[in-house]
N, C-alpha and C. Protein backbone atom coordinates (compact mmCIF):
# COMPACT_ATOMS: atom_id res chain seq x y z
N MET A 1 102.79 86.77 79.07
CA MET A 1 103.96 85.91 79.26
C MET A 1 103.32 84.57 80.07
N ARG A 2 102.40 84.22 80.61
CA ARG A 2 102.19 82.97 81.23
C ARG A 2 101.85 81.75 80.16
N ALA A 3 101.09 82.51 79.18
CA ALA A 3 100.92 81.55 78.10
C ALA A 3 102.20 81.15 77.53
N LEU A 4 102.98 81.95 77.13
CA LEU A 4 104.17 81.71 76.65
C LEU A 4 105.12 80.52 77.78
N ALA A 5 105.51 80.88 78.70
CA ALA A 5 105.91 80.12 79.62
C ALA A 5 105.44 78.83 79.45
N SER A 6 104.41 78.54 79.58
CA SER A 6 103.87 76.97 79.55
C SER A 6 104.16 76.52 78.12
N GLU A 7 104.09 77.50 77.06
CA GLU A 7 104.40 76.77 75.79
C GLU A 7 105.91 76.11 75.73
N TYR A 8 106.79 76.92 76.36
CA TYR A 8 108.57 76.51 76.57
C TYR A 8 108.41 75.37 77.84
N GLY A 9 107.41 74.92 78.62
CA GLY A 9 107.69 73.99 79.33
C GLY A 9 107.27 74.07 80.64
N ALA A 10 107.36 75.61 81.05
CA ALA A 10 107.34 75.92 82.53
C ALA A 10 106.11 75.03 83.13
N ARG A 11 105.97 74.67 84.33
CA ARG A 11 105.20 73.85 84.97
C ARG A 11 104.48 74.92 86.01
N MET A 12 105.07 76.51 86.23
CA MET A 12 104.45 77.25 86.98
C MET A 12 105.26 78.60 86.63
N THR A 13 104.03 79.53 86.57
CA THR A 13 104.72 80.92 86.77
C THR A 13 104.46 81.69 87.84
N MET A 14 104.66 82.72 88.02
CA MET A 14 104.57 83.83 89.44
C MET A 14 105.25 85.38 88.92
N PRO A 15 104.18 85.85 88.97
CA PRO A 15 104.55 87.71 88.77
C PRO A 15 105.34 88.03 89.88
N LEU A 16 106.47 88.50 89.74
CA LEU A 16 106.82 89.38 90.49
C LEU A 16 106.70 90.72 90.73
N SER A 17 107.10 91.06 92.06
CA SER A 17 106.65 92.75 92.54
C SER A 17 108.01 93.25 92.73
N VAL A 18 108.35 93.55 91.55
CA VAL A 18 109.68 94.36 91.53
C VAL A 18 109.70 95.68 90.91
N ALA A 19 110.44 96.66 91.09
CA ALA A 19 110.51 98.30 90.64
C ALA A 19 110.92 98.52 89.16
N GLY A 20 111.56 97.27 88.32
CA GLY A 20 112.14 97.62 87.29
C GLY A 20 112.24 95.91 86.40
N ALA A 21 112.78 96.02 85.21
CA ALA A 21 113.07 95.38 84.58
C ALA A 21 114.43 94.70 84.58
N PHE A 22 114.93 94.46 85.92
CA PHE A 22 116.33 94.11 86.15
C PHE A 22 116.33 93.15 85.36
N HIS A 23 117.86 92.92 85.15
CA HIS A 23 118.55 91.35 84.37
C HIS A 23 117.90 91.11 83.20
N THR A 24 117.22 92.14 82.48
CA THR A 24 116.65 92.04 81.03
C THR A 24 117.43 93.34 80.51
N HIS A 25 117.22 93.31 78.72
CA HIS A 25 117.81 93.84 78.06
C HIS A 25 117.06 95.46 78.01
N TYR A 26 115.79 95.75 78.50
CA TYR A 26 115.37 97.01 79.15
C TYR A 26 116.36 97.77 80.10
N MET A 27 117.30 96.89 80.48
CA MET A 27 118.03 97.93 81.70
C MET A 27 119.34 98.19 80.83
N ALA A 28 119.23 98.04 79.68
CA ALA A 28 120.90 98.50 78.83
C ALA A 28 121.12 99.86 79.02
N PRO A 29 120.19 100.78 78.88
CA PRO A 29 120.96 102.32 79.07
C PRO A 29 121.67 102.49 80.33
N ALA A 30 121.24 101.80 81.49
CA ALA A 30 122.08 101.70 82.72
C ALA A 30 123.39 101.26 82.80
N VAL A 31 123.96 100.50 81.69
CA VAL A 31 125.34 99.61 81.60
C VAL A 31 126.15 100.73 81.36
N ALA A 32 126.30 101.73 80.57
CA ALA A 32 127.34 102.56 80.32
C ALA A 32 127.57 103.40 81.64
N PRO A 33 126.54 104.19 82.38
CA PRO A 33 126.66 104.98 83.57
C PRO A 33 127.31 104.25 84.96
N LEU A 34 126.67 102.75 84.48
CA LEU A 34 127.61 101.63 85.99
C LEU A 34 128.87 101.63 85.40
N VAL A 35 129.27 101.20 84.21
CA VAL A 35 130.58 101.09 83.69
C VAL A 35 131.36 101.89 84.20
N ALA A 36 131.17 103.33 83.94
CA ALA A 36 131.81 104.71 84.23
C ALA A 36 132.21 104.60 85.64
N ALA A 37 131.09 104.12 86.52
CA ALA A 37 131.29 104.26 87.94
C ALA A 37 132.11 103.59 88.67
N LEU A 38 131.80 102.15 87.95
CA LEU A 38 132.90 101.26 88.35
C LEU A 38 134.24 101.14 88.17
N GLN A 39 134.71 102.11 86.85
CA GLN A 39 135.96 102.40 86.82
C GLN A 39 136.71 103.49 87.80
N GLN A 40 135.68 104.24 88.84
CA GLN A 40 136.15 104.72 89.69
C GLN A 40 136.11 104.54 91.15
N VAL A 41 135.99 103.07 91.49
CA VAL A 41 135.83 102.57 92.24
C VAL A 41 137.06 101.54 92.56
N VAL A 42 137.62 101.80 93.63
CA VAL A 42 138.84 100.82 93.95
C VAL A 42 138.34 99.48 94.38
N ILE A 43 138.40 98.31 93.79
CA ILE A 43 137.86 97.32 93.85
C ILE A 43 139.40 96.37 94.17
N SER A 44 139.47 95.71 95.38
CA SER A 44 140.54 95.15 95.63
C SER A 44 140.41 93.74 95.71
N SER A 45 141.55 92.70 95.49
CA SER A 45 141.12 91.25 95.20
C SER A 45 140.28 90.90 96.31
N PRO A 46 139.14 90.12 96.63
CA PRO A 46 138.62 89.97 97.64
C PRO A 46 139.36 88.43 98.43
N ARG A 47 139.16 88.42 99.84
CA ARG A 47 139.89 87.35 100.34
C ARG A 47 139.00 85.97 100.08
N ILE A 48 137.73 86.27 99.81
CA ILE A 48 136.40 85.09 99.55
C ILE A 48 136.04 85.48 97.92
N PRO A 49 136.12 84.57 96.92
CA PRO A 49 135.80 85.16 95.57
C PRO A 49 134.25 85.35 95.31
N VAL A 50 134.17 86.64 94.31
CA VAL A 50 132.75 86.69 94.59
C VAL A 50 132.01 86.07 93.05
N VAL A 51 131.09 85.07 93.70
CA VAL A 51 130.12 84.38 92.69
C VAL A 51 129.35 85.38 91.74
N SER A 52 129.51 85.22 90.61
CA SER A 52 128.66 86.02 89.14
C SER A 52 127.36 85.64 89.24
N ASN A 53 126.32 86.39 89.29
CA ASN A 53 125.24 86.06 88.95
C ASN A 53 125.16 85.76 87.33
N VAL A 54 125.98 86.28 86.45
CA VAL A 54 125.96 85.83 85.05
C VAL A 54 126.54 84.61 84.30
N ASP A 55 127.57 84.30 85.36
CA ASP A 55 128.35 82.78 84.88
C ASP A 55 128.49 81.84 85.85
N ALA A 56 127.64 82.15 87.10
CA ALA A 56 127.91 81.32 88.36
C ALA A 56 129.41 80.61 88.62
N ARG A 57 130.33 81.56 88.50
CA ARG A 57 131.55 81.31 88.39
C ARG A 57 131.94 82.25 89.63
N PRO A 58 132.99 81.78 90.46
CA PRO A 58 133.91 82.65 91.44
C PRO A 58 134.77 83.59 90.83
N HIS A 59 134.67 84.66 91.37
CA HIS A 59 135.97 85.67 90.72
C HIS A 59 136.66 86.39 91.67
N SER A 60 138.07 86.53 91.38
CA SER A 60 138.81 87.46 92.52
C SER A 60 139.48 88.39 91.76
N ASP A 61 139.73 88.51 90.49
CA ASP A 61 140.43 89.37 89.96
C ASP A 61 139.27 90.91 89.90
N PRO A 62 139.71 91.79 90.42
CA PRO A 62 138.98 93.22 90.25
C PRO A 62 138.33 93.70 88.89
N ASP A 63 139.15 93.61 87.93
CA ASP A 63 138.68 93.40 86.40
C ASP A 63 137.72 92.72 86.10
N ASP A 64 137.60 91.58 86.34
CA ASP A 64 136.79 90.52 86.20
C ASP A 64 135.43 91.06 86.92
N ILE A 65 135.62 91.58 88.28
CA ILE A 65 134.31 91.70 89.32
C ILE A 65 133.76 92.47 88.62
N ARG A 66 134.55 93.59 88.07
CA ARG A 66 133.56 95.02 87.42
C ARG A 66 133.00 94.08 85.98
N THR A 67 133.78 93.53 85.28
CA THR A 67 132.90 93.27 84.03
C THR A 67 131.52 92.60 84.32
N THR A 68 131.45 91.68 85.33
CA THR A 68 130.29 90.79 85.52
C THR A 68 129.37 91.51 86.17
N LEU A 69 129.72 92.48 87.42
CA LEU A 69 128.82 93.53 87.73
C LEU A 69 128.11 94.15 86.66
N ALA A 70 128.76 95.03 85.57
CA ALA A 70 127.96 95.50 84.86
C ALA A 70 127.40 94.59 83.54
N MET A 71 127.66 93.38 83.39
CA MET A 71 126.83 92.46 82.60
C MET A 71 125.67 91.93 83.31
N GLN A 72 125.68 92.08 84.76
CA GLN A 72 124.60 91.37 85.29
C GLN A 72 123.37 92.42 85.50
N VAL A 73 123.56 93.37 85.04
CA VAL A 73 122.38 94.14 84.75
C VAL A 73 121.33 93.94 83.79
N THR A 74 121.94 93.60 82.78
CA THR A 74 120.94 92.71 81.68
C THR A 74 121.19 91.16 81.44
N SER A 75 121.75 90.54 82.45
CA SER A 75 121.97 88.95 82.14
C SER A 75 120.95 88.48 82.98
N PRO A 76 120.20 87.20 82.83
CA PRO A 76 119.46 86.78 83.66
C PRO A 76 120.41 86.08 84.87
N VAL A 77 120.04 86.13 85.93
CA VAL A 77 120.24 85.89 87.32
C VAL A 77 120.52 83.88 87.02
N ARG A 78 121.36 83.62 87.11
CA ARG A 78 121.76 82.08 87.30
C ARG A 78 121.49 81.11 88.57
N TRP A 79 120.80 81.63 89.43
CA TRP A 79 120.61 81.57 90.74
C TRP A 79 120.78 79.82 91.09
N GLU A 80 119.82 79.14 90.11
CA GLU A 80 120.10 77.44 90.28
C GLU A 80 121.65 76.97 90.25
N SER A 81 122.23 77.65 89.16
CA SER A 81 123.47 77.22 89.09
C SER A 81 124.52 77.69 90.30
N ILE A 82 124.49 78.84 90.44
CA ILE A 82 125.22 79.31 91.63
C ILE A 82 125.01 78.75 92.79
N ILE A 83 123.71 78.40 93.22
CA ILE A 83 123.81 77.75 94.58
C ILE A 83 124.26 76.18 94.41
N THR A 84 123.95 75.60 93.19
CA THR A 84 124.41 74.01 92.92
C THR A 84 125.79 74.41 93.06
N ALA A 85 126.43 74.95 92.51
CA ALA A 85 128.11 75.31 92.61
C ALA A 85 128.47 75.07 94.03
N MET A 86 128.26 76.23 94.55
CA MET A 86 128.32 76.45 95.89
C MET A 86 128.34 75.42 96.81
N VAL A 87 127.21 74.66 96.81
CA VAL A 87 127.03 73.71 97.91
C VAL A 87 127.41 72.27 97.54
N THR A 88 128.03 72.02 96.38
CA THR A 88 128.80 71.14 96.15
C THR A 88 130.26 71.18 96.04
N ALA A 89 130.23 72.39 96.14
CA ALA A 89 132.21 72.92 96.47
C ALA A 89 132.62 72.29 97.81
N ASP A 90 133.56 71.72 97.97
CA ASP A 90 134.41 71.26 99.42
C ASP A 90 134.35 72.51 100.49
N ALA A 91 134.88 73.61 99.86
CA ALA A 91 134.98 74.75 100.43
C ALA A 91 133.72 75.35 101.03
N PHE A 92 132.29 74.68 100.82
CA PHE A 92 131.37 75.50 101.11
C PHE A 92 131.17 75.22 102.48
N GLU A 93 130.74 76.02 103.55
CA GLU A 93 130.53 75.81 104.85
C GLU A 93 129.47 76.27 105.43
N GLU A 94 128.98 77.64 105.26
CA GLU A 94 127.90 78.24 105.40
C GLU A 94 127.42 79.27 104.38
N CYS A 95 126.63 79.86 104.69
CA CYS A 95 125.81 80.77 103.68
C CYS A 95 125.14 81.82 104.69
N TYR A 96 125.20 83.43 104.02
CA TYR A 96 124.88 84.18 104.76
C TYR A 96 123.84 85.28 104.12
N GLU A 97 122.56 85.44 104.30
CA GLU A 97 121.56 86.19 103.85
C GLU A 97 121.57 87.23 104.27
N LEU A 98 121.65 88.67 103.49
CA LEU A 98 121.45 89.87 104.11
C LEU A 98 120.41 90.65 103.47
N GLY A 99 119.60 91.01 104.57
CA GLY A 99 118.38 91.62 104.26
C GLY A 99 116.96 91.56 104.99
N PRO A 100 116.04 91.91 104.86
CA PRO A 100 115.01 92.27 105.51
C PRO A 100 114.28 90.79 105.98
N GLY A 101 114.33 89.70 104.85
CA GLY A 101 113.54 88.70 105.01
C GLY A 101 114.52 87.43 104.84
N THR A 102 113.53 86.22 104.58
CA THR A 102 114.56 84.76 104.82
C THR A 102 114.15 84.17 103.27
N VAL A 103 113.72 84.87 102.09
CA VAL A 103 113.29 84.29 101.06
C VAL A 103 114.39 83.21 100.65
N CYS A 104 115.61 83.66 100.47
CA CYS A 104 117.14 83.11 99.97
C CYS A 104 116.79 81.75 100.87
N ARG A 105 117.23 81.91 102.23
CA ARG A 105 117.45 81.11 103.09
C ARG A 105 116.41 79.36 102.62
N GLY A 106 114.90 79.94 102.56
CA GLY A 106 114.20 78.67 102.26
C GLY A 106 114.84 78.17 100.71
N ILE A 107 115.18 78.76 99.85
CA ILE A 107 115.51 78.21 98.63
C ILE A 107 116.62 77.74 98.58
N VAL A 108 118.20 78.21 99.35
CA VAL A 108 119.03 77.40 99.55
C VAL A 108 118.82 76.31 100.43
N LYS A 109 118.03 75.97 101.21
CA LYS A 109 117.51 74.86 102.09
C LYS A 109 117.10 73.66 101.23
N ARG A 110 116.76 74.25 100.31
CA ARG A 110 115.97 72.92 99.08
C ARG A 110 116.95 72.49 98.54
N PHE A 111 118.44 72.71 98.51
CA PHE A 111 119.44 72.31 98.00
C PHE A 111 120.51 71.41 98.97
N GLY A 112 119.82 71.85 100.03
CA GLY A 112 120.36 70.91 101.15
C GLY A 112 119.84 70.98 102.44
N LYS A 113 119.26 70.35 103.16
CA LYS A 113 118.39 70.72 104.17
C LYS A 113 119.34 70.90 105.49
N LYS A 114 120.35 70.51 105.41
CA LYS A 114 121.53 70.49 106.49
C LYS A 114 122.53 71.45 106.48
N LEU A 115 122.40 72.62 105.03
CA LEU A 115 123.41 73.46 104.98
C LEU A 115 123.08 74.48 106.27
N LYS A 116 123.96 74.99 106.53
CA LYS A 116 123.83 75.98 107.61
C LYS A 116 123.79 77.52 107.11
N VAL A 117 122.48 78.34 107.22
CA VAL A 117 122.09 79.68 106.63
C VAL A 117 121.87 80.22 107.58
N ASN A 118 122.57 81.73 107.69
CA ASN A 118 122.58 82.55 108.94
C ASN A 118 121.86 83.82 108.05
N SER A 119 120.79 84.09 108.37
CA SER A 119 119.81 85.15 108.07
C SER A 119 120.02 86.32 108.93
N ILE A 120 120.71 87.37 108.34
CA ILE A 120 121.07 88.89 109.16
C ILE A 120 120.28 90.06 108.24
N ARG A 121 119.23 90.48 109.21
CA ARG A 121 118.15 91.51 109.12
C ARG A 121 119.18 92.80 109.04
N ALA A 122 118.72 93.24 107.53
CA ALA A 122 119.54 94.58 107.62
C ALA A 122 118.60 95.74 107.38
């Protein structure tokens, strides 16, 4: 894969230590069970829009949220588009990273050194 990446102009590649081929077509068998499960879940319109990994756009409609959640299983994560859209929005004030590390904090800071990023260890 590294050779293929450099053929397409990648400057760098890094193997990821992950448990599965998430966000690829290899996860397609998981989509139907997730769609069925999401139909059973009550999702209310959020006070803050949910930005989707699939299209890097905010969603407030519960059905749109269900759809994009199912799509993200096999779709690439549009991380750079998401962060760029969020930090250039007038309403962006601060960011919260939930989890054991601070990797996302460092990446978000690359888009704006003065951005307020709160890491909450979970």
